Amino acid sequence: MKLGARLIPTGKASLTWGALLMSAAAVAGAPPPPLFPETWIDGTLPQEPVTQVQALNGDTFVIRQSVQTNFEAPFLYLLFGRDKALLIDTGAEGGAIRPTVDRLIREWLAKHGRSDIPLIVAHSHSHGDHVASDAAFRSRGNTVVVGLKPDDVATFFGIGSWPDQIARFDLGGRALSIIPTPGHQAASIMVYDPRLKILLSGDTLYPGRLYVPVNFLADNRASIDRLVAFAATHPIRAVLGAHIEMTRVPGRDYPHEAETHPDEHRLELPAASIAEPQAGLREPLDVPERPQVRDHFIIVPVPPRAE
């Protein structure tokens, strides 16, 4: 298996071909083709790179940290606009994320005949497996690292009424929606990109165990309700979260801290999955560690947390 990522072709022809493939799959009643051309690194080979990169287009890169460096194996997202770039999350302990990000930025700059671009480092939320390389980016030139508290996030993105307001954050010809989604963690956000019609959903929705502290159940329910309302008026091609913890067998996850992920679920979830937690969160979930198993994720109530 070739571990190096292959870039998805860009341009009108490739977009049209992709649309034709998706239409054909829909007509045939089959699931749409995978969003990514390469198999993600999953720890099953004796050696694998520290990170793997796959591109959605020339301005959008998905980075996976190897499960061999940390069992969390998180996914990070690097988006470029004309005026600035946005990195969502900096990975878990054991990873070396900055060299990969620096390389991608150098390559993007060279392609566009430029010498520099400001980098914003934000977070899907502030748990340790998403902020471990923050220090490496704080020392990087022309870079701003957004703080980890809800007030920090709200202030930076101009969210006047947290968590009810959705903010517009323009990278320069690429305006993103910043959607507060507290519940899994107090400072959780999602990011919607209308250019690619993707929703970057962090740990709030992904093919894995959706941990919800029992003292934040009301917050999580409200966040999902707002998200469902948002999705009803915005086209979403795919939901891309921060982990894969499910196998391809419906409802079956990997053991906690699994060292390999053979036969992984796809990273991407369909737009229809956005409404699934809404019903699940209405079920009794006040007993910690009694999971509610669904085909593509498992809602896991956990004991109260401070944030």
Protein backbone atom coordinates (compact mmCIF):
# COMPACT_ATOMS: atom_id res chain seq x y z
CA MET A 1 0.00 0.00 0.00
CA LYS A 2 1.31 3.43 -0.93
CA LEU A 3 1.35 5.59 2.20
CA GLY A 4 2.20 8.88 0.54
CA ALA A 5 -0.90 10.96 -0.06
CA ARG A 6 -2.06 11.55 -3.62
CA LEU A 7 -3.55 14.96 -4.32
CA ILE A 8 -7.08 15.09 -5.62
CA PRO A 9 -7.05 16.79 -9.05
CA THR A 10 -8.56 20.24 -9.05
CA GLY A 11 -10.32 22.31 -11.68
CA LYS A 12 -13.68 22.22 -13.43
CA ALA A 13 -13.13 18.85 -15.06
CA SER A 14 -12.34 17.07 -11.80
CA LEU A 15 -15.22 18.72 -9.97
CA THR A 16 -17.60 17.72 -12.75
CA TRP A 17 -16.28 14.17 -12.73
CA GLY A 18 -16.68 14.01 -8.96
CA ALA A 19 -20.25 15.25 -9.25
CA LEU A 20 -20.99 12.64 -11.91
CA LEU A 21 -19.61 9.90 -9.69
CA MET A 22 -21.73 11.03 -6.76
CA SER A 23 -24.83 11.27 -8.96
CA ALA A 24 -24.24 7.81 -10.41
CA ALA A 25 -23.83 6.35 -6.93
CA ALA A 26 -27.02 8.00 -5.77
CA VAL A 27 -28.95 6.65 -8.77
CA ALA A 28 -27.61 3.17 -8.14
CA GLY A 29 -28.56 3.38 -4.47
CA ALA A 30 -24.93 2.89 -3.43
CA PRO A 31 -23.06 5.11 -0.95
CA PRO A 32 -21.06 7.92 -2.56
CA PRO A 33 -17.43 7.18 -3.41
CA PRO A 34 -14.83 7.87 -0.72
CA LEU A 35 -13.87 11.51 -0.35
CA PHE A 36 -10.18 10.62 -0.04
CA PRO A 37 -8.26 8.59 -2.65
CA GLU A 38 -5.80 7.00 -0.23
CA THR A 39 -6.30 4.70 2.72
CA TRP A 40 -5.50 6.56 5.92
CA ILE A 41 -2.54 5.35 7.96
CA ASP A 42 -4.00 3.07 10.63
CA GLY A 43 -1.07 1.54 12.53
CA THR A 44 -1.31 -1.84 10.82
CA LEU A 45 2.09 -1.66 9.12
CA PRO A 46 5.35 -2.06 11.07
CA GLN A 47 6.30 1.52 10.22
CA GLU A 48 4.32 4.47 9.02
CA PRO A 49 5.01 8.21 8.76
CA VAL A 50 4.35 10.47 11.74
CA THR A 51 1.71 12.26 9.67
CA GLN A 52 -0.20 11.68 6.46
CA VAL A 53 -1.65 14.44 4.31
CA GLN A 54 -4.47 14.27 1.80
CA ALA A 55 -5.79 17.26 -0.12
CA LEU A 56 -9.39 18.08 -0.87
CA ASN A 57 -8.18 20.73 -3.30
CA GLY A 58 -5.16 22.98 -3.68
CA ASP A 59 -6.24 25.11 -0.70
CA THR A 60 -7.50 22.45 1.72
CA PHE A 61 -5.40 19.80 3.45
CA VAL A 62 -6.33 17.09 5.93
CA ILE A 63 -3.54 15.86 8.21
CA ARG A 64 -3.66 12.67 10.24
CA GLN A 65 -1.33 12.00 13.15
CA SER A 66 -0.17 8.41 13.24
CA VAL A 67 -1.78 6.07 15.76
CA GLN A 68 1.77 4.80 16.32
CA THR A 69 2.63 8.18 17.88
CA ASN A 70 -0.58 8.46 19.92
CA PHE A 71 -3.65 6.23 20.18
CA GLU A 72 -5.92 9.25 19.59
CA ALA A 73 -4.65 9.54 15.98
CA PRO A 74 -6.38 12.90 15.49
CA PHE A 75 -7.18 14.64 12.20
CA LEU A 76 -6.22 18.28 11.68
CA TYR A 77 -7.31 20.69 8.95
CA LEU A 78 -5.35 23.39 7.11
CA LEU A 79 -7.35 25.82 4.97
CA PHE A 80 -5.94 28.62 2.80
CA GLY A 81 -7.59 31.80 1.62
CA ARG A 82 -6.11 34.72 -0.25
CA ASP A 83 -5.16 36.64 2.92
CA LYS A 84 -4.59 34.06 5.64
CA ALA A 85 -4.46 30.37 6.46
CA LEU A 86 -6.34 28.57 9.24
CA LEU A 87 -5.08 25.48 11.05
CA ILE A 88 -7.67 23.67 13.15
CA ASP A 89 -5.99 21.78 16.04
CA THR A 90 -2.34 20.97 16.67
CA GLY A 91 -2.56 17.28 17.52
CA ALA A 92 -1.84 14.98 20.43
CA GLU A 93 1.29 14.28 22.46
CA GLY A 94 3.95 12.40 20.54
CA GLY A 95 3.29 14.06 17.22
CA ALA A 96 5.47 16.49 15.28
CA ILE A 97 2.80 18.54 13.57
CA ARG A 98 4.57 21.82 12.86
CA PRO A 99 7.08 20.42 10.31
CA THR A 100 4.20 19.06 8.25
CA VAL A 101 2.27 22.33 8.43
CA ASP A 102 5.37 24.37 7.60
CA ARG A 103 6.02 22.16 4.55
CA LEU A 104 2.46 22.55 3.30
CA ILE A 105 2.63 26.31 3.73
CA ARG A 106 5.97 26.51 1.90
CA GLU A 107 4.58 24.49 -0.99
CA TRP A 108 1.42 26.61 -1.15
CA LEU A 109 3.44 29.83 -1.12
CA ALA A 110 5.76 28.59 -3.86
CA LYS A 111 2.80 27.57 -6.02
CA HIS A 112 1.30 31.05 -5.63
CA GLY A 113 4.56 32.97 -6.01
CA ARG A 114 4.41 34.42 -2.51
CA SER A 115 6.82 34.68 0.39
CA ASP A 116 4.51 34.54 3.42
CA ILE A 117 0.93 34.28 4.65
CA PRO A 118 -0.43 34.82 8.18
CA LEU A 119 -1.38 31.62 9.98
CA ILE A 120 -4.23 31.40 12.48
CA VAL A 121 -4.16 28.37 14.79
CA ALA A 122 -7.56 27.60 16.28
CA HIS A 123 -9.00 24.50 17.91
CA SER A 124 -12.08 22.35 17.56
CA HIS A 125 -11.92 22.31 21.37
CA SER A 126 -9.28 22.48 24.09
CA HIS A 127 -8.72 18.85 25.13
CA GLY A 128 -5.09 17.77 25.26
CA ASP A 129 -5.15 15.62 22.13
CA HIS A 130 -5.99 18.72 20.06
CA VAL A 131 -3.63 21.32 21.53
CA ALA A 132 -0.40 19.41 22.27
CA SER A 133 1.72 21.25 19.67
CA ASP A 134 0.44 24.74 20.47
CA ALA A 135 3.80 25.78 21.94
CA ALA A 136 5.57 24.99 18.66
CA PHE A 137 3.23 27.36 16.83
CA ARG A 138 3.42 30.14 19.43
CA SER A 139 7.10 30.48 18.55
CA ARG A 140 6.36 30.59 14.80
CA GLY A 141 6.52 33.93 13.03
CA ASN A 142 3.42 35.59 11.57
CA THR A 143 1.22 33.19 13.55
CA VAL A 144 -1.61 33.73 16.03
CA VAL A 145 -2.69 30.91 18.35
CA VAL A 146 -6.26 31.37 19.57
CA GLY A 147 -6.82 30.85 23.31
CA LEU A 148 -8.55 27.82 24.77
CA LYS A 149 -11.41 29.30 26.81
CA PRO A 150 -14.87 30.07 25.40
CA ASP A 151 -14.24 33.80 25.95
CA ASP A 152 -10.97 33.55 24.01
CA VAL A 153 -12.67 31.86 21.07
CA ALA A 154 -15.65 34.23 21.12
CA THR A 155 -13.44 37.32 21.27
CA PHE A 156 -11.14 36.23 18.46
CA PHE A 157 -13.89 35.27 16.03
CA GLY A 158 -16.21 38.12 17.01
CA ILE A 159 -18.95 35.99 18.50
CA GLY A 160 -20.97 38.50 20.50
CA SER A 161 -23.46 36.04 21.97
CA TRP A 162 -21.79 32.73 22.78
CA PRO A 163 -22.97 30.09 21.93
CA ASP A 164 -26.02 31.28 19.99
CA GLN A 165 -24.30 33.40 17.35
CA ILE A 166 -22.58 31.99 14.27
CA ALA A 167 -19.59 34.08 13.19
CA ARG A 168 -18.25 34.75 9.70
CA PHE A 169 -14.47 34.41 9.39
CA ASP A 170 -13.03 35.37 6.01
CA LEU A 171 -9.64 33.96 4.98
CA GLY A 172 -9.73 36.21 1.91
CA GLY A 173 -12.20 35.11 -0.73
CA ARG A 174 -13.10 32.17 1.48
CA ALA A 175 -15.60 33.03 4.19
CA LEU A 176 -16.09 30.31 6.81
CA SER A 177 -18.85 29.93 9.40
CA ILE A 178 -17.66 29.44 12.98
CA ILE A 179 -20.36 27.54 14.88
CA PRO A 180 -20.16 27.29 18.69
CA THR A 181 -21.00 23.75 19.84
CA PRO A 182 -20.30 23.47 23.59
CA GLY A 183 -21.20 20.17 25.17
CA HIS A 184 -18.33 17.77 24.62
CA GLN A 185 -16.16 20.61 25.89
CA ALA A 186 -16.98 24.20 26.79
CA ALA A 187 -15.02 25.87 23.95
CA SER A 188 -16.04 23.46 21.18
CA ILE A 189 -16.68 24.85 17.71
CA MET A 190 -17.43 23.53 14.25
CA VAL A 191 -16.26 25.18 11.03
CA TYR A 192 -18.32 25.21 7.84
CA ASP A 193 -16.69 25.84 4.49
CA PRO A 194 -19.25 26.74 1.79
CA ARG A 195 -16.64 26.46 -0.95
CA LEU A 196 -16.27 22.70 -0.48
CA LYS A 197 -19.53 22.22 1.43
CA ILE A 198 -17.75 20.48 4.29
CA LEU A 199 -18.44 20.71 8.02
CA LEU A 200 -15.41 20.27 10.28
CA SER A 201 -17.00 18.83 13.39
CA GLY A 202 -14.22 18.13 15.91
CA ASP A 203 -15.20 15.69 18.67
CA THR A 204 -18.87 16.66 18.64
CA LEU A 205 -19.65 14.38 15.69
CA TYR A 206 -17.33 11.80 14.15
CA PRO A 207 -17.24 8.03 13.57
CA GLY A 208 -16.38 7.13 17.13
CA ARG A 209 -17.31 7.55 20.78
CA LEU A 210 -19.03 10.87 21.37
CA TYR A 211 -18.19 11.58 25.00
CA VAL A 212 -20.69 13.88 26.74
CA PRO A 213 -20.17 14.90 30.39
CA VAL A 214 -23.51 14.42 32.15
CA ASN A 215 -23.38 17.97 33.52
CA PHE A 216 -23.18 19.32 29.95
CA LEU A 217 -25.97 17.26 28.40
CA ALA A 218 -28.23 20.30 28.07
CA ASP A 219 -25.46 22.25 26.35
CA ASN A 220 -24.80 19.41 23.93
CA ARG A 221 -28.49 19.02 23.10
CA ALA A 222 -28.80 22.75 22.41
CA SER A 223 -25.67 22.72 20.24
CA ILE A 224 -26.95 19.84 18.13
CA ASP A 225 -30.36 21.51 17.78
CA ARG A 226 -28.66 24.68 16.46
CA LEU A 227 -26.48 22.57 14.16
CA VAL A 228 -29.48 20.77 12.67
CA ALA A 229 -31.12 24.14 12.01
CA PHE A 230 -27.92 25.37 10.33
CA ALA A 231 -27.67 22.25 8.17
CA ALA A 232 -31.24 22.72 6.99
CA THR A 233 -30.23 25.93 5.19
CA HIS A 234 -26.64 25.13 4.15
CA PRO A 235 -25.61 22.39 1.69
CA ILE A 236 -23.22 19.90 3.30
CA ARG A 237 -21.33 17.37 1.24
CA ALA A 238 -19.55 15.70 4.15
CA VAL A 239 -18.98 15.95 7.90
CA LEU A 240 -15.30 15.59 8.82
CA GLY A 241 -14.47 14.99 12.47
CA ALA A 242 -11.30 14.73 14.51
CA HIS A 243 -10.97 10.94 14.98
CA ILE A 244 -11.97 7.54 13.69
CA GLU A 245 -12.84 5.06 16.44
CA MET A 246 -15.37 2.91 14.58
CA THR A 247 -14.78 -0.08 12.36
CA ARG A 248 -16.70 -0.66 9.13
CA VAL A 249 -19.01 -2.98 11.04
CA PRO A 250 -22.06 -0.90 12.08
CA GLY A 251 -21.99 -0.10 15.80
CA ARG A 252 -18.61 -1.69 16.46
CA ASP A 253 -15.75 0.45 17.75
CA TYR A 254 -12.13 -0.30 18.58
CA PRO A 255 -11.03 -0.93 22.16
CA HIS A 256 -10.00 2.22 24.00
CA GLU A 257 -6.33 3.06 23.26
CA ALA A 258 -6.18 0.50 20.45
CA GLU A 259 -2.73 0.44 18.85
CA THR A 260 -4.04 -0.39 15.36
CA HIS A 261 -7.22 0.40 13.46
CA PRO A 262 -7.71 -2.34 10.85
CA ASP A 263 -10.75 -1.96 8.60
CA GLU A 264 -11.54 1.58 9.70
CA HIS A 265 -14.80 3.41 9.13
CA ARG A 266 -14.49 6.26 6.66
CA LEU A 267 -13.51 9.60 8.15
CA GLU A 268 -16.36 11.38 6.37
CA LEU A 269 -19.94 11.12 7.54
CA PRO A 270 -22.91 12.06 5.34
CA ALA A 271 -24.96 15.17 6.00
CA ALA A 272 -27.81 12.96 7.18
CA SER A 273 -25.72 11.99 10.20
CA ILE A 274 -26.04 15.49 11.64
CA ALA A 275 -29.58 14.84 12.82
CA GLU A 276 -28.82 11.41 14.32
CA PRO A 277 -27.38 12.67 17.63
CA GLN A 278 -30.43 14.89 18.07
CA ALA A 279 -32.66 11.88 18.67
CA GLY A 280 -30.00 10.05 20.64
CA LEU A 281 -29.42 12.93 23.01
CA ARG A 282 -33.12 13.00 23.85
CA GLU A 283 -32.84 9.50 25.31
CA PRO A 284 -32.00 9.06 29.02
CA LEU A 285 -28.25 9.65 29.27
CA ASP A 286 -27.82 10.64 32.89
CA VAL A 287 -25.99 7.42 33.81
CA PRO A 288 -22.25 7.77 33.17
CA GLU A 289 -20.59 5.16 30.96
CA ARG A 290 -23.87 3.61 29.72
CA PRO A 291 -23.38 4.06 25.96
CA GLN A 292 -26.00 4.44 23.30
CA VAL A 293 -24.77 2.54 20.26
CA ARG A 294 -25.57 3.76 16.75
CA ASP A 295 -24.28 2.51 13.41
CA HIS A 296 -21.73 5.28 12.86
CA PHE A 297 -21.04 6.54 16.38
CA ILE A 298 -21.62 5.76 20.05
CA ILE A 299 -22.92 8.38 22.48
CA VAL A 300 -21.08 7.86 25.77
CA PRO A 301 -22.19 9.82 28.85
CA VAL A 302 -19.26 10.38 31.22
CA PRO A 303 -18.99 11.75 34.77
CA PRO A 304 -19.16 15.51 35.29
CA ARG A 305 -16.22 17.63 34.18
CA ALA A 306 -15.20 21.14 35.09
CA GLU A 307 -15.34 22.22 31.41
